[in-house]
Amino acid sequence: MSESRTDAVTLTQIERFQFKANFDGSNTSMILDEPAPHGKNTGPSPDQLLCAAVANCMSDALFGAISRKNPDPSPLTTTATALLGRNEENRLRIQTIEVSIKLGKTVAELGDLSQPIERFENFCTVASSVSRGIPVKVRISDSEGTILKDEIGGDLTPAEGATCSLGGGPGCMCGAVTD
């Protein structure tokens, strides 16, 4: 089954690097700007907007995946960081986007999260599209800071013979691992 739609944003220049963005289909607009020295930093920059889009989509997808069969994980707090660097032509480019999502509840309150955490990225349109050109790394933790998934600090690899203390089985990535 093929599905397509269009989402449009119209930008109108206010001055120099400052634009007003109107989001078609809503009554929402915002001022966009570049940081100094080019702009006046009166609104989010393009890289901040890209981070916001990736973070929002990943948060939506994770919330949906968890809340299908587990208790509501709200409130989620998500931080996305664009790591910028120079390419071969000495042009500034986003090298990686790191997304850190903190759930509003503990893993003990939420139950087995191995399947939702394993699958949620498949349902994030924006991050799946962006990651074709920019690596997107994710870290998920519960409200107490227990790491449930970590691509930012390296892959979580349970110790040999470790099992999930919440019943997720050997190699479970929910973070509740016991030796």
N, C-alpha and C. Protein backbone atom coordinates (compact mmCIF):
# COMPACT_ATOMS: atom_id res chain seq x y z
N MET A 1 0.84 -1.17 0.00
CA MET A 1 0.00 0.00 0.00
C MET A 1 0.89 1.24 0.00
N SER A 2 0.63 2.14 -0.92
CA SER A 2 1.42 3.36 -1.04
C SER A 2 0.65 4.53 -0.46
N GLU A 3 1.32 5.29 0.37
CA GLU A 3 0.70 6.47 0.97
C GLU A 3 1.65 7.64 0.74
N SER A 4 1.11 8.76 0.35
CA SER A 4 1.94 9.95 0.24
C SER A 4 1.14 11.15 0.71
N ARG A 5 1.86 12.16 1.14
CA ARG A 5 1.25 13.41 1.56
C ARG A 5 2.31 14.49 1.44
N THR A 6 1.91 15.69 1.56
CA THR A 6 2.87 16.79 1.54
C THR A 6 2.72 17.58 2.83
N ASP A 7 3.84 18.01 3.35
CA ASP A 7 3.89 18.92 4.48
C ASP A 7 4.73 20.10 4.01
N ALA A 8 4.19 21.30 4.11
CA ALA A 8 4.90 22.47 3.58
C ALA A 8 5.10 23.53 4.65
N VAL A 9 6.20 24.24 4.51
CA VAL A 9 6.52 25.39 5.34
C VAL A 9 6.88 26.51 4.37
N THR A 10 6.32 27.69 4.60
CA THR A 10 6.63 28.84 3.75
C THR A 10 7.44 29.84 4.57
N LEU A 11 8.59 30.25 4.03
CA LEU A 11 9.45 31.22 4.70
C LEU A 11 9.36 32.56 3.99
N THR A 12 9.24 33.62 4.79
CA THR A 12 9.23 34.98 4.27
C THR A 12 10.34 35.74 4.98
N GLN A 13 11.26 36.31 4.19
CA GLN A 13 12.39 37.02 4.78
C GLN A 13 11.92 38.29 5.46
N ILE A 14 12.40 38.47 6.70
CA ILE A 14 12.12 39.69 7.45
C ILE A 14 13.27 40.67 7.24
N GLU A 15 14.48 40.18 7.49
CA GLU A 15 15.70 40.95 7.24
C GLU A 15 16.88 39.99 7.27
N ARG A 16 17.88 40.30 6.50
CA ARG A 16 19.11 39.51 6.41
C ARG A 16 18.87 38.00 6.58
N PHE A 17 19.26 37.41 7.70
CA PHE A 17 19.14 35.97 7.91
C PHE A 17 17.91 35.59 8.73
N GLN A 18 17.03 36.51 8.93
CA GLN A 18 15.84 36.29 9.75
C GLN A 18 14.64 36.05 8.84
N PHE A 19 13.90 34.97 9.12
CA PHE A 19 12.73 34.61 8.32
C PHE A 19 11.56 34.29 9.24
N LYS A 20 10.37 34.51 8.72
CA LYS A 20 9.16 34.06 9.41
C LYS A 20 8.72 32.78 8.71
N ALA A 21 8.54 31.72 9.49
CA ALA A 21 8.10 30.43 8.95
C ALA A 21 6.62 30.26 9.26
N ASN A 22 5.85 29.98 8.23
CA ASN A 22 4.43 29.65 8.38
C ASN A 22 4.26 28.19 8.01
N PHE A 23 3.64 27.45 8.91
CA PHE A 23 3.46 26.02 8.73
C PHE A 23 2.08 25.77 8.15
N ASP A 24 2.05 25.36 6.88
CA ASP A 24 0.79 25.14 6.18
C ASP A 24 -0.06 24.11 6.93
N GLY A 25 -1.36 24.37 6.97
CA GLY A 25 -2.27 23.46 7.66
C GLY A 25 -2.44 23.77 9.13
N SER A 26 -1.73 24.78 9.62
CA SER A 26 -1.89 25.18 11.02
C SER A 26 -1.84 26.70 11.09
N ASN A 27 -2.18 27.23 12.22
CA ASN A 27 -2.10 28.68 12.43
C ASN A 27 -0.81 29.06 13.13
N THR A 28 0.21 28.22 12.97
CA THR A 28 1.46 28.41 13.70
C THR A 28 2.51 29.07 12.81
N SER A 29 3.20 30.02 13.39
CA SER A 29 4.36 30.62 12.71
C SER A 29 5.43 30.86 13.75
N MET A 30 6.65 31.02 13.28
CA MET A 30 7.76 31.31 14.19
C MET A 30 8.85 32.05 13.43
N ILE A 31 9.66 32.76 14.18
CA ILE A 31 10.80 33.48 13.61
C ILE A 31 12.00 32.54 13.64
N LEU A 32 12.69 32.46 12.51
CA LEU A 32 13.91 31.67 12.39
C LEU A 32 15.07 32.64 12.16
N ASP A 33 16.22 32.31 12.70
CA ASP A 33 17.36 33.21 12.56
C ASP A 33 18.64 32.41 12.75
N GLU A 34 19.70 32.98 12.26
CA GLU A 34 21.03 32.42 12.46
C GLU A 34 21.65 33.05 13.70
N PRO A 35 22.54 32.32 14.35
CA PRO A 35 23.27 32.94 15.47
C PRO A 35 24.24 34.00 14.94
N ALA A 36 24.71 34.86 15.85
CA ALA A 36 25.71 35.87 15.49
C ALA A 36 26.99 35.14 15.04
N PRO A 37 27.74 35.63 14.16
CA PRO A 37 27.76 37.01 13.67
C PRO A 37 26.86 37.24 12.45
N HIS A 38 26.30 36.20 11.86
CA HIS A 38 25.48 36.39 10.66
C HIS A 38 24.09 36.92 11.00
N GLY A 39 23.43 36.28 11.95
CA GLY A 39 22.08 36.69 12.34
C GLY A 39 22.08 37.36 13.69
N LYS A 40 20.87 37.49 14.23
CA LYS A 40 20.71 38.14 15.53
C LYS A 40 20.29 37.14 16.62
N ASN A 41 20.18 35.87 16.26
CA ASN A 41 19.83 34.82 17.21
C ASN A 41 18.46 35.07 17.85
N THR A 42 17.49 35.55 17.05
CA THR A 42 16.15 35.86 17.56
C THR A 42 15.20 34.67 17.46
N GLY A 43 15.67 33.58 16.95
CA GLY A 43 14.85 32.38 16.83
C GLY A 43 15.75 31.18 16.58
N PRO A 44 15.15 30.00 16.48
CA PRO A 44 15.96 28.80 16.26
C PRO A 44 16.67 28.86 14.90
N SER A 45 17.85 28.24 14.88
CA SER A 45 18.64 28.14 13.66
C SER A 45 18.21 26.90 12.88
N PRO A 46 18.61 26.78 11.63
CA PRO A 46 18.25 25.59 10.86
C PRO A 46 18.68 24.27 11.51
N ASP A 47 19.88 24.23 12.09
CA ASP A 47 20.30 22.98 12.73
C ASP A 47 19.48 22.69 13.98
N GLN A 48 19.05 23.73 14.70
CA GLN A 48 18.17 23.50 15.85
C GLN A 48 16.81 22.99 15.40
N LEU A 49 16.30 23.50 14.29
CA LEU A 49 15.02 23.01 13.76
C LEU A 49 15.12 21.54 13.35
N LEU A 50 16.23 21.19 12.71
CA LEU A 50 16.43 19.79 12.33
C LEU A 50 16.48 18.91 13.57
N CYS A 51 17.22 19.34 14.59
CA CYS A 51 17.27 18.58 15.85
C CYS A 51 15.90 18.45 16.48
N ALA A 52 15.13 19.55 16.47
CA ALA A 52 13.78 19.52 17.04
C ALA A 52 12.89 18.53 16.29
N ALA A 53 13.00 18.51 14.98
CA ALA A 53 12.19 17.59 14.18
C ALA A 53 12.55 16.14 14.48
N VAL A 54 13.84 15.83 14.55
CA VAL A 54 14.29 14.47 14.86
C VAL A 54 13.86 14.09 16.28
N ALA A 55 14.09 14.98 17.25
CA ALA A 55 13.75 14.70 18.64
C ALA A 55 12.25 14.50 18.83
N ASN A 56 11.45 15.35 18.18
CA ASN A 56 10.00 15.23 18.31
C ASN A 56 9.50 13.92 17.72
N CYS A 57 9.97 13.58 16.55
CA CYS A 57 9.53 12.35 15.89
C CYS A 57 9.95 11.12 16.70
N MET A 58 11.19 11.12 17.20
CA MET A 58 11.65 9.98 18.00
C MET A 58 10.87 9.86 19.31
N SER A 59 10.57 11.01 19.93
CA SER A 59 9.79 10.99 21.17
C SER A 59 8.38 10.46 20.92
N ASP A 60 7.75 10.94 19.83
CA ASP A 60 6.42 10.45 19.47
C ASP A 60 6.43 8.94 19.24
N ALA A 61 7.42 8.48 18.47
CA ALA A 61 7.51 7.06 18.13
C ALA A 61 7.75 6.20 19.37
N LEU A 62 8.65 6.66 20.25
CA LEU A 62 8.92 5.89 21.47
C LEU A 62 7.71 5.88 22.39
N PHE A 63 7.06 7.03 22.56
CA PHE A 63 5.86 7.10 23.39
C PHE A 63 4.81 6.12 22.86
N GLY A 64 4.57 6.15 21.55
CA GLY A 64 3.58 5.25 20.95
C GLY A 64 3.93 3.79 21.12
N ALA A 65 5.21 3.45 20.91
CA ALA A 65 5.63 2.06 21.02
C ALA A 65 5.49 1.54 22.45
N ILE A 66 5.87 2.36 23.42
CA ILE A 66 5.78 1.93 24.83
C ILE A 66 4.32 1.86 25.28
N SER A 67 3.54 2.88 24.98
CA SER A 67 2.19 2.96 25.53
C SER A 67 1.20 1.99 24.88
N ARG A 68 1.60 1.30 23.83
CA ARG A 68 0.71 0.28 23.23
C ARG A 68 0.45 -0.87 24.20
N LYS A 69 1.51 -1.33 24.88
CA LYS A 69 1.36 -2.51 25.74
C LYS A 69 1.88 -2.29 27.15
N ASN A 70 2.39 -1.11 27.43
CA ASN A 70 2.95 -0.81 28.74
C ASN A 70 2.24 0.42 29.30
N PRO A 71 2.46 0.70 30.59
CA PRO A 71 1.89 1.92 31.16
C PRO A 71 2.43 3.17 30.46
N ASP A 72 1.71 4.26 30.57
CA ASP A 72 2.09 5.54 29.99
C ASP A 72 3.45 5.97 30.56
N PRO A 73 4.46 6.21 29.71
CA PRO A 73 5.79 6.58 30.19
C PRO A 73 5.98 8.08 30.44
N SER A 74 4.91 8.85 30.35
CA SER A 74 4.99 10.32 30.47
C SER A 74 5.49 10.76 31.83
N PRO A 75 6.07 11.95 31.87
CA PRO A 75 6.43 12.83 30.76
C PRO A 75 7.81 12.50 30.21
N LEU A 76 7.95 12.46 28.91
CA LEU A 76 9.25 12.27 28.28
C LEU A 76 9.96 13.62 28.19
N THR A 77 11.27 13.59 28.38
CA THR A 77 12.11 14.77 28.19
C THR A 77 13.19 14.38 27.19
N THR A 78 13.27 15.11 26.09
CA THR A 78 14.19 14.75 25.02
C THR A 78 15.11 15.92 24.69
N THR A 79 16.40 15.63 24.57
CA THR A 79 17.39 16.61 24.16
C THR A 79 18.08 16.09 22.92
N ALA A 80 18.11 16.89 21.87
CA ALA A 80 18.84 16.52 20.65
C ALA A 80 19.97 17.51 20.45
N THR A 81 21.13 16.98 20.12
CA THR A 81 22.32 17.80 19.94
C THR A 81 22.92 17.54 18.58
N ALA A 82 23.15 18.59 17.82
CA ALA A 82 23.82 18.47 16.52
C ALA A 82 25.32 18.68 16.76
N LEU A 83 26.11 17.72 16.34
CA LEU A 83 27.56 17.85 16.43
C LEU A 83 28.05 18.32 15.07
N LEU A 84 28.58 19.54 15.03
CA LEU A 84 29.01 20.14 13.77
C LEU A 84 30.52 20.03 13.59
N GLY A 85 30.92 19.92 12.36
CA GLY A 85 32.33 19.86 12.03
C GLY A 85 32.53 20.25 10.58
N ARG A 86 33.76 20.35 10.18
CA ARG A 86 34.10 20.76 8.81
C ARG A 86 34.28 19.53 7.91
N ASN A 87 33.77 19.63 6.68
CA ASN A 87 33.95 18.55 5.71
C ASN A 87 35.25 18.77 4.93
N GLU A 88 35.47 17.98 3.87
CA GLU A 88 36.71 18.05 3.10
C GLU A 88 36.89 19.42 2.44
N GLU A 89 35.78 20.10 2.14
CA GLU A 89 35.83 21.43 1.52
C GLU A 89 35.85 22.54 2.58
N ASN A 90 36.05 22.17 3.83
CA ASN A 90 36.08 23.10 4.96
C ASN A 90 34.74 23.79 5.18
N ARG A 91 33.65 23.14 4.78
CA ARG A 91 32.29 23.67 5.00
C ARG A 91 31.74 23.08 6.29
N LEU A 92 31.07 23.90 7.07
CA LEU A 92 30.48 23.44 8.32
C LEU A 92 29.28 22.56 8.01
N ARG A 93 29.26 21.36 8.57
CA ARG A 93 28.19 20.39 8.34
C ARG A 93 27.82 19.70 9.65
N ILE A 94 26.56 19.24 9.72
CA ILE A 94 26.15 18.42 10.86
C ILE A 94 26.76 17.04 10.65
N GLN A 95 27.58 16.60 11.58
CA GLN A 95 28.25 15.31 11.48
C GLN A 95 27.42 14.19 12.08
N THR A 96 26.74 14.48 13.19
CA THR A 96 25.94 13.50 13.92
C THR A 96 24.87 14.24 14.70
N ILE A 97 23.74 13.59 14.89
CA ILE A 97 22.71 14.10 15.80
C ILE A 97 22.57 13.08 16.92
N GLU A 98 22.73 13.55 18.15
CA GLU A 98 22.58 12.69 19.32
C GLU A 98 21.27 13.05 20.02
N VAL A 99 20.45 12.03 20.26
CA VAL A 99 19.14 12.23 20.87
C VAL A 99 19.11 11.46 22.19
N SER A 100 18.86 12.18 23.27
CA SER A 100 18.76 11.58 24.60
C SER A 100 17.32 11.72 25.09
N ILE A 101 16.67 10.58 25.32
CA ILE A 101 15.27 10.58 25.76
C ILE A 101 15.20 10.02 27.18
N LYS A 102 14.59 10.80 28.07
CA LYS A 102 14.40 10.36 29.45
C LYS A 102 12.92 10.13 29.67
N LEU A 103 12.58 8.90 30.06
CA LEU A 103 11.19 8.54 30.35
C LEU A 103 10.77 9.14 31.68
N GLY A 104 9.48 9.31 31.87
CA GLY A 104 8.95 9.90 33.09
C GLY A 104 8.69 8.91 34.21
N LYS A 105 8.97 7.65 33.95
CA LYS A 105 8.75 6.61 34.96
C LYS A 105 9.96 5.67 34.99
N THR A 106 10.02 4.84 36.03
CA THR A 106 11.12 3.87 36.14
C THR A 106 10.81 2.65 35.28
N VAL A 107 11.85 1.92 34.95
CA VAL A 107 11.67 0.70 34.18
C VAL A 107 10.84 -0.32 34.98
N ALA A 108 10.95 -0.28 36.30
CA ALA A 108 10.14 -1.19 37.13
C ALA A 108 8.65 -0.86 37.00
N GLU A 109 8.30 0.41 36.87
CA GLU A 109 6.91 0.82 36.69
C GLU A 109 6.38 0.51 35.30
N LEU A 110 7.28 0.49 34.32
CA LEU A 110 6.87 0.34 32.93
C LEU A 110 6.86 -1.10 32.42
N GLY A 111 7.61 -1.97 33.07
CA GLY A 111 7.66 -3.36 32.62
C GLY A 111 8.70 -3.58 31.54
N ASP A 112 8.55 -4.68 30.81
CA ASP A 112 9.50 -5.08 29.78
C ASP A 112 9.43 -4.11 28.60
N LEU A 113 10.50 -3.39 28.38
CA LEU A 113 10.55 -2.41 27.30
C LEU A 113 11.41 -2.86 26.13
N SER A 114 11.85 -4.10 26.14
CA SER A 114 12.77 -4.55 25.11
C SER A 114 12.19 -4.43 23.70
N GLN A 115 10.95 -4.84 23.49
CA GLN A 115 10.37 -4.75 22.15
C GLN A 115 10.09 -3.32 21.71
N PRO A 116 9.45 -2.49 22.54
CA PRO A 116 9.23 -1.11 22.08
C PRO A 116 10.53 -0.36 21.79
N ILE A 117 11.56 -0.57 22.61
CA ILE A 117 12.83 0.12 22.40
C ILE A 117 13.51 -0.40 21.14
N GLU A 118 13.38 -1.69 20.88
CA GLU A 118 13.99 -2.28 19.68
C GLU A 118 13.31 -1.79 18.40
N ARG A 119 12.02 -1.51 18.45
CA ARG A 119 11.24 -1.25 17.24
C ARG A 119 10.86 0.21 16.99
N PHE A 120 10.92 1.07 17.99
CA PHE A 120 10.32 2.40 17.85
C PHE A 120 10.92 3.22 16.71
N GLU A 121 12.21 3.08 16.44
CA GLU A 121 12.85 3.89 15.41
C GLU A 121 12.30 3.59 14.02
N ASN A 122 11.75 2.40 13.82
CA ASN A 122 11.14 2.05 12.54
C ASN A 122 9.92 2.90 12.24
N PHE A 123 9.35 3.54 13.25
CA PHE A 123 8.14 4.33 13.09
C PHE A 123 8.40 5.83 13.13
N CYS A 124 9.66 6.22 13.11
CA CYS A 124 10.01 7.64 13.13
C CYS A 124 10.41 8.06 11.71
N THR A 125 9.49 8.70 11.03
CA THR A 125 9.69 9.11 9.64
C THR A 125 10.88 10.05 9.50
N VAL A 126 10.98 11.04 10.36
CA VAL A 126 12.02 12.06 10.23
C VAL A 126 13.41 11.48 10.49
N ALA A 127 13.60 10.82 11.62
CA ALA A 127 14.93 10.27 11.93
C ALA A 127 15.34 9.21 10.92
N SER A 128 14.39 8.39 10.46
CA SER A 128 14.72 7.38 9.46
C SER A 128 15.17 8.03 8.16
N SER A 129 14.57 9.15 7.81
CA SER A 129 14.96 9.87 6.59
C SER A 129 16.29 10.60 6.77
N VAL A 130 16.43 11.32 7.88
CA VAL A 130 17.65 12.09 8.13
C VAL A 130 18.86 11.17 8.25
N SER A 131 18.68 10.01 8.89
CA SER A 131 19.82 9.11 9.14
C SER A 131 20.40 8.51 7.86
N ARG A 132 19.75 8.70 6.73
CA ARG A 132 20.34 8.27 5.45
C ARG A 132 21.57 9.11 5.11
N GLY A 133 21.62 10.34 5.65
CA GLY A 133 22.75 11.21 5.37
C GLY A 133 23.52 11.66 6.59
N ILE A 134 22.87 11.65 7.75
CA ILE A 134 23.50 12.07 9.00
C ILE A 134 23.24 10.99 10.03
N PRO A 135 24.29 10.43 10.65
CA PRO A 135 24.05 9.44 11.70
C PRO A 135 23.23 10.03 12.84
N VAL A 136 22.22 9.28 13.27
CA VAL A 136 21.39 9.67 14.42
C VAL A 136 21.61 8.61 15.49
N LYS A 137 22.12 9.05 16.64
CA LYS A 137 22.40 8.14 17.75
C LYS A 137 21.44 8.45 18.88
N VAL A 138 20.99 7.41 19.58
CA VAL A 138 19.98 7.61 20.62
C VAL A 138 20.41 6.99 21.95
N ARG A 139 20.03 7.67 23.01
CA ARG A 139 20.18 7.15 24.38
C ARG A 139 18.82 7.27 25.04
N ILE A 140 18.38 6.19 25.67
CA ILE A 140 17.11 6.20 26.39
C ILE A 140 17.39 5.82 27.84
N SER A 141 16.82 6.58 28.76
CA SER A 141 16.96 6.26 30.18
C SER A 141 15.59 6.40 30.84
N ASP A 142 15.47 5.74 32.00
CA ASP A 142 14.23 5.89 32.75
C ASP A 142 14.35 7.10 33.68
N SER A 143 13.32 7.33 34.48
CA SER A 143 13.28 8.52 35.33
C SER A 143 14.37 8.53 36.41
N GLU A 144 14.94 7.37 36.71
CA GLU A 144 16.01 7.31 37.70
C GLU A 144 17.39 7.30 37.06
N GLY A 145 17.45 7.40 35.73
CA GLY A 145 18.73 7.44 35.04
C GLY A 145 19.25 6.08 34.58
N THR A 146 18.48 5.02 34.78
CA THR A 146 18.89 3.71 34.29
C THR A 146 18.92 3.75 32.77
N ILE A 147 20.06 3.42 32.19
CA ILE A 147 20.22 3.45 30.74
C ILE A 147 19.54 2.22 30.14
N LEU A 148 18.61 2.47 29.21
CA LEU A 148 17.86 1.40 28.56
C LEU A 148 18.40 1.11 27.16
N LYS A 149 18.98 2.11 26.54
CA LYS A 149 19.62 1.97 25.24
C LYS A 149 20.66 3.07 25.15
N ASP A 150 21.82 2.76 24.59
CA ASP A 150 22.86 3.78 24.50
C ASP A 150 23.70 3.57 23.24
N GLU A 151 23.43 4.39 22.23
CA GLU A 151 24.26 4.40 21.03
C GLU A 151 25.25 5.57 21.08
N ILE A 152 25.03 6.49 21.99
CA ILE A 152 25.89 7.66 22.11
C ILE A 152 27.19 7.28 22.80
N GLY A 153 27.07 6.55 23.91
CA GLY A 153 28.25 6.14 24.66
C GLY A 153 28.76 4.78 24.26
N GLY A 154 28.25 4.22 23.19
CA GLY A 154 28.61 2.88 22.75
C GLY A 154 27.45 1.94 22.98
N ASP A 155 27.48 0.82 22.29
CA ASP A 155 26.40 -0.16 22.42
C ASP A 155 26.40 -0.79 23.80
N LEU A 156 25.22 -1.00 24.34
CA LEU A 156 25.08 -1.74 25.59
C LEU A 156 25.24 -3.22 25.27
N THR A 157 26.18 -3.84 25.89
CA THR A 157 26.35 -5.26 25.69
C THR A 157 26.31 -5.92 27.06
N PRO A 158 25.25 -6.67 27.37
CA PRO A 158 25.19 -7.33 28.67
C PRO A 158 26.38 -8.27 28.86
N ALA A 159 26.83 -8.39 30.11
CA ALA A 159 27.92 -9.30 30.41
C ALA A 159 27.52 -10.73 30.04
N GLU A 160 28.52 -11.53 29.73
CA GLU A 160 28.29 -12.94 29.39
C GLU A 160 27.45 -13.59 30.49
N GLY A 161 26.34 -14.20 30.11
CA GLY A 161 25.48 -14.90 31.06
C GLY A 161 24.51 -14.00 31.81
N ALA A 162 24.55 -12.67 31.54
CA ALA A 162 23.64 -11.76 32.24
C ALA A 162 22.22 -11.96 31.73
N THR A 163 21.25 -11.80 32.61
CA THR A 163 19.85 -11.91 32.22
C THR A 163 19.09 -10.69 32.72
N CYS A 164 17.98 -10.44 32.10
CA CYS A 164 17.15 -9.30 32.47
C CYS A 164 16.43 -9.61 33.78
N SER A 165 16.52 -8.69 34.73
CA SER A 165 15.86 -8.90 36.02
C SER A 165 14.35 -8.71 35.92
N LEU A 166 13.86 -8.20 34.78
CA LEU A 166 12.43 -8.00 34.61
C LEU A 166 11.81 -9.06 33.70
N GLY A 167 12.57 -10.10 33.36
CA GLY A 167 12.03 -11.20 32.57
C GLY A 167 12.20 -11.06 31.08
N GLY A 168 13.03 -10.13 30.61
CA GLY A 168 13.24 -9.93 29.19
C GLY A 168 14.12 -10.97 28.53
N GLY A 169 14.77 -11.81 29.29
CA GLY A 169 15.60 -12.86 28.72
C GLY A 169 17.03 -12.42 28.50
N PRO A 170 17.89 -13.38 28.13
CA PRO A 170 19.32 -13.07 27.90
C PRO A 170 19.47 -12.04 26.79
N GLY A 171 20.37 -11.08 27.00
CA GLY A 171 20.64 -10.06 25.99
C GLY A 171 19.60 -8.95 25.93
N CYS A 172 18.62 -8.94 26.82
CA CYS A 172 17.59 -7.89 26.83
C CYS A 172 18.28 -6.53 27.00
N MET A 173 17.80 -5.54 26.30
CA MET A 173 18.42 -4.22 26.32
C MET A 173 17.66 -3.23 27.21
N CYS A 174 16.76 -3.71 28.09
CA CYS A 174 15.97 -2.77 28.87
C CYS A 174 16.76 -2.09 29.97
N GLY A 175 17.94 -2.59 30.29
CA GLY A 175 18.78 -1.93 31.27
C GLY A 175 18.69 -2.54 32.65
N ALA A 176 17.71 -3.39 32.89
CA ALA A 176 17.55 -4.01 34.20
C ALA A 176 18.27 -5.36 34.18
N VAL A 177 19.59 -5.31 34.01
CA VAL A 177 20.39 -6.53 33.84
C VAL A 177 21.03 -6.91 35.17
N THR A 178 20.97 -8.18 35.47
CA THR A 178 21.65 -8.71 36.64
C THR A 178 22.63 -9.78 36.19
N ASP A 179 23.69 -9.96 36.93
CA ASP A 179 24.70 -10.98 36.57
C ASP A 179 24.34 -12.32 37.16
